Amino acid sequence: MLNVLISGVGGQGLLTLSRVLGQAALNEGLKVVISETHGMSQRGGSVTVFLRVGDSVMAPLPPEDDIHLHISMELLEAARYTYLHNASTVLVANDKIIRPSIPGVRVPPRDELINALTKHTPHFYLINASDTSLRLGSTIGANVVMIGFVTYLLEKASIITSKNTVLNEVLKLGAKEINTKLFEAGYQEATTKVSEKTIETLKKLKQPIK
C-alpha cells in the first residue's frame, strides 16, 4: 500500500494533482481512494488530500505516521504536517511560501523552514516548481512540474510501469504543449536530484501494492 499526502493552499491545483496521479494508478490496475480532509478549496485556504493506492485499501484516511510520500505545494504546509511522517517518509516540496491571511501570524524565514525539514527527513527534495512554471510561460503550472517530479519516483520504484501513464492524464487537462514542457521539466529535475536510497525506500512498498 502507498499512502500519499498532498498539501498546500487553495488555488495551487492540489485536487488536479491528486486526480491525475490517482487516475494514472487506476490505469495501472491499482485500487485508489482519494479523500480531501481539511480546509476549503477556495484560494488561500489550507487544503490536504490523501491518496491511498493498493489492493488492501479500505479506509479513506491512513493511520498517523504512515505517510510514505508527502507532496507539498507550499513550505509552511509541508512543515505543518510533518507530524504525519515517519523515518522513511519521502517529502517533495515546492520552494514557495504563501503568507497566511490571518493578521499577526509569525511566518518562519525560508531558511529556517528548509533547515527544519532537512533535519526532519533524509528524503527531502526542494523543487522550484513555481519558478519553473513561470519560466516556461505558465502562472498556474507548478502542480504539473510537481507531478513530473513525483512520476520519476513512482516509475523508478516500479509503482507505475511508465511515465507515459501519468503524462497521458496530464495531457487530458488541455494546453498540451505547455503541460508537456512543465511535466518534463519536473521529471528531468528528479533525474538529477533523487537518490538511490530514496528509490529503494519506495521500492519496498511495491509488493504490498501489487
Protein backbone atom coordinates (compact mmCIF):
# COMPACT_ATOMS: atom_id res chain seq x y z
CA MET A 1 0.00 0.00 0.00
CA LEU A 2 1.16 3.52 -0.82
CA ASN A 3 -0.09 6.40 1.32
CA VAL A 4 0.37 9.85 -0.22
CA LEU A 5 -0.33 13.19 1.46
CA ILE A 6 -0.75 16.23 -0.79
CA SER A 7 -0.74 19.60 0.98
CA GLY A 8 -0.89 23.27 0.07
CA VAL A 9 -3.41 26.08 -0.17
CA GLY A 10 -6.46 26.66 -2.32
CA GLY A 11 -5.66 27.76 -5.85
CA GLN A 12 -2.48 25.69 -6.20
CA GLY A 13 -4.10 22.82 -8.08
CA LEU A 14 -3.93 20.16 -5.38
CA LEU A 15 -7.10 18.41 -6.46
CA THR A 16 -5.90 18.29 -10.05
CA LEU A 17 -2.58 16.87 -8.87
CA SER A 18 -4.29 14.16 -6.82
CA ARG A 19 -6.74 13.24 -9.56
CA VAL A 20 -4.02 12.93 -12.21
CA LEU A 21 -1.92 10.64 -10.02
CA GLY A 22 -4.98 8.72 -8.87
CA GLN A 23 -6.27 8.11 -12.39
CA ALA A 24 -2.82 7.05 -13.54
CA ALA A 25 -2.71 4.47 -10.74
CA LEU A 26 -6.19 3.26 -11.71
CA ASN A 27 -4.98 2.87 -15.28
CA GLU A 28 -2.25 0.60 -13.92
CA GLY A 29 -4.94 -1.65 -12.42
CA LEU A 30 -4.44 -0.45 -8.85
CA LYS A 31 -7.15 0.35 -6.32
CA VAL A 32 -7.26 4.06 -5.42
CA VAL A 33 -9.02 6.07 -2.71
CA ILE A 34 -8.80 9.89 -2.63
CA SER A 35 -10.00 11.98 0.31
CA GLU A 36 -9.92 15.75 0.81
CA THR A 37 -9.86 16.12 4.55
CA HIS A 38 -9.03 19.63 5.74
CA GLY A 39 -9.60 23.23 4.85
CA MET A 40 -11.53 24.60 1.94
CA SER A 41 -10.51 24.73 -1.65
CA GLN A 42 -11.10 28.42 -2.21
CA ARG A 43 -7.99 30.43 -2.93
CA GLY A 44 -5.81 30.88 0.13
CA GLY A 45 -7.35 28.22 2.39
CA SER A 46 -5.29 25.31 3.69
CA VAL A 47 -6.01 22.08 1.80
CA THR A 48 -4.84 18.50 2.31
CA VAL A 49 -5.65 15.49 0.17
CA PHE A 50 -4.91 11.85 0.96
CA LEU A 51 -4.28 9.46 -1.90
CA ARG A 52 -4.16 5.77 -0.99
CA VAL A 53 -3.10 3.17 -3.53
CA GLY A 54 -3.19 -0.61 -3.15
CA ASP A 55 -5.45 -3.65 -3.09
CA SER A 56 -5.76 -3.58 0.71
CA VAL A 57 -7.05 -0.01 0.88
CA MET A 58 -10.30 0.16 2.83
CA ALA A 59 -10.48 3.42 4.79
CA PRO A 60 -10.05 6.83 3.11
CA LEU A 61 -7.52 8.03 5.71
CA PRO A 62 -4.22 6.36 6.61
CA PRO A 63 -3.05 5.91 10.21
CA GLU A 64 -0.97 8.76 11.59
CA ASP A 65 2.77 8.46 10.91
CA ASP A 66 2.07 6.12 7.99
CA ILE A 67 2.63 8.59 5.13
CA HIS A 68 5.07 7.19 2.56
CA LEU A 69 5.13 10.19 0.20
CA HIS A 70 4.28 13.80 1.07
CA ILE A 71 3.88 16.20 -1.85
CA SER A 72 3.57 19.80 -0.69
CA MET A 73 2.93 22.80 -2.90
CA GLU A 74 4.00 25.21 -0.14
CA LEU A 75 6.68 25.16 2.58
CA LEU A 76 4.52 26.19 5.55
CA GLU A 77 2.09 23.42 4.72
CA ALA A 78 4.97 20.99 4.32
CA ALA A 79 6.11 21.80 7.85
CA ARG A 80 2.57 21.77 9.27
CA TYR A 81 2.03 18.09 8.51
CA THR A 82 5.39 16.59 9.42
CA TYR A 83 3.70 15.01 12.45
CA LEU A 84 2.20 12.51 9.98
CA HIS A 85 5.66 11.46 8.78
CA ASN A 86 7.79 8.54 9.83
CA ALA A 87 11.52 7.92 9.44
CA SER A 88 11.07 6.74 5.84
CA THR A 89 8.66 9.38 4.54
CA VAL A 90 9.71 11.00 1.26
CA LEU A 91 8.94 14.73 1.17
CA VAL A 92 8.79 16.65 -2.12
CA ALA A 93 8.09 20.34 -1.51
CA ASN A 94 7.65 23.36 -3.76
CA ASP A 95 10.02 26.19 -2.81
CA LYS A 96 7.26 28.70 -2.13
CA ILE A 97 5.84 30.45 0.94
CA ILE A 98 2.32 31.86 0.98
CA ARG A 99 1.70 34.07 3.99
CA PRO A 100 -1.50 33.28 5.92
CA SER A 101 -4.20 35.92 5.61
CA ILE A 102 -4.67 35.99 9.40
CA PRO A 103 -3.04 39.15 10.86
CA GLY A 104 -0.23 38.73 13.38
CA VAL A 105 0.75 35.19 12.44
CA ARG A 106 4.51 34.68 12.56
CA VAL A 107 5.91 33.19 9.39
CA PRO A 108 9.29 31.50 9.88
CA PRO A 109 12.03 32.59 7.47
CA ARG A 110 12.53 30.38 4.44
CA ASP A 111 15.96 29.19 5.59
CA GLU A 112 14.55 28.22 8.97
CA LEU A 113 11.83 26.14 7.35
CA ILE A 114 14.23 24.44 4.97
CA ASN A 115 16.72 23.64 7.73
CA ALA A 116 13.96 22.13 9.88
CA LEU A 117 12.65 20.00 7.03
CA THR A 118 16.15 18.86 6.06
CA LYS A 119 16.80 17.68 9.61
CA HIS A 120 13.40 16.01 9.78
CA THR A 121 13.82 13.55 6.91
CA PRO A 122 16.72 12.15 4.86
CA HIS A 123 14.37 12.06 1.87
CA PHE A 124 13.61 15.77 1.42
CA TYR A 125 13.52 17.28 -2.07
CA LEU A 126 13.04 21.02 -2.57
CA ILE A 127 11.67 21.85 -6.02
CA ASN A 128 11.47 25.28 -7.67
CA ALA A 129 8.17 24.32 -9.25
CA SER A 130 6.59 27.78 -9.18
CA ASP A 131 9.67 29.46 -10.66
CA THR A 132 9.99 26.75 -13.31
CA SER A 133 6.35 27.17 -14.28
CA LEU A 134 6.74 30.93 -14.68
CA ARG A 135 9.96 30.49 -16.67
CA LEU A 136 8.16 28.19 -19.08
CA GLY A 137 5.29 30.62 -19.53
CA SER A 138 2.59 29.41 -17.12
CA THR A 139 1.36 31.11 -13.95
CA ILE A 140 -0.61 28.05 -12.84
CA GLY A 141 1.54 25.09 -13.82
CA ALA A 142 3.60 24.43 -10.69
CA ASN A 143 1.45 21.42 -9.86
CA VAL A 144 2.29 19.85 -13.23
CA VAL A 145 6.02 20.33 -12.53
CA MET A 146 5.49 18.54 -9.22
CA ILE A 147 3.60 15.75 -10.98
CA GLY A 148 6.56 15.26 -13.31
CA PHE A 149 9.00 15.04 -10.39
CA VAL A 150 6.86 12.58 -8.47
CA THR A 151 6.30 10.48 -11.60
CA TYR A 152 10.04 9.79 -11.75
CA LEU A 153 9.91 8.50 -8.16
CA LEU A 154 6.94 6.23 -8.85
CA GLU A 155 8.39 4.93 -12.11
CA LYS A 156 11.84 4.13 -10.76
CA ALA A 157 10.28 2.45 -7.71
CA SER A 158 8.18 0.31 -10.11
CA ILE A 159 4.94 1.57 -8.59
CA ILE A 160 3.90 2.61 -12.09
CA THR A 161 5.26 0.99 -15.24
CA SER A 162 5.89 4.10 -17.34
CA LYS A 163 5.89 7.87 -17.03
CA ASN A 164 3.53 7.95 -20.01
CA THR A 165 0.80 6.53 -17.77
CA VAL A 166 0.85 9.84 -15.89
CA LEU A 167 1.72 12.09 -18.82
CA ASN A 168 -1.33 10.87 -20.73
CA GLU A 169 -3.53 12.04 -17.84
CA VAL A 170 -1.73 15.41 -17.75
CA LEU A 171 -2.43 15.91 -21.46
CA LYS A 172 -6.15 15.45 -20.81
CA LEU A 173 -6.01 18.73 -18.87
CA GLY A 174 -5.54 20.58 -22.17
CA ALA A 175 -2.78 23.06 -23.12
CA LYS A 176 -0.80 20.04 -24.28
CA GLU A 177 2.37 21.82 -25.37
CA ILE A 178 2.97 23.80 -22.17
CA ASN A 179 1.86 20.98 -19.89
CA THR A 180 4.26 18.59 -21.59
CA LYS A 181 7.10 21.06 -21.02
CA LEU A 182 6.12 21.51 -17.37
CA PHE A 183 5.86 17.78 -16.78
CA GLU A 184 9.19 17.05 -18.46
CA ALA A 185 10.90 19.84 -16.50
CA GLY A 186 9.84 18.24 -13.23
CA TYR A 187 10.73 14.75 -14.41
CA GLN A 188 14.20 15.83 -15.57
CA GLU A 189 14.88 17.67 -12.31
CA ALA A 190 14.13 14.46 -10.46
CA THR A 191 16.68 12.55 -12.55
CA THR A 192 19.40 14.84 -11.18
CA LYS A 193 18.25 15.02 -7.55
CA VAL A 194 16.67 11.78 -6.40
CA SER A 195 18.98 9.40 -4.57
CA GLU A 196 19.06 5.64 -4.95
CA LYS A 197 18.33 5.38 -1.23
CA THR A 198 15.00 7.14 -1.78
CA ILE A 199 14.13 4.85 -4.67
CA GLU A 200 14.94 1.78 -2.60
CA THR A 201 12.75 3.11 0.22
CA LEU A 202 9.79 3.38 -2.15
CA LYS A 203 10.54 0.05 -3.83
CA LYS A 204 9.83 -1.69 -0.51
CA LEU A 205 6.20 -0.68 -0.99
CA LYS A 206 5.86 -2.34 -4.40
CA GLN A 207 4.94 -5.84 -3.26
CA PRO A 208 2.07 -4.79 -0.93
CA ILE A 209 0.62 -2.56 -3.66
CA LYS A 210 0.56 -5.29 -6.27
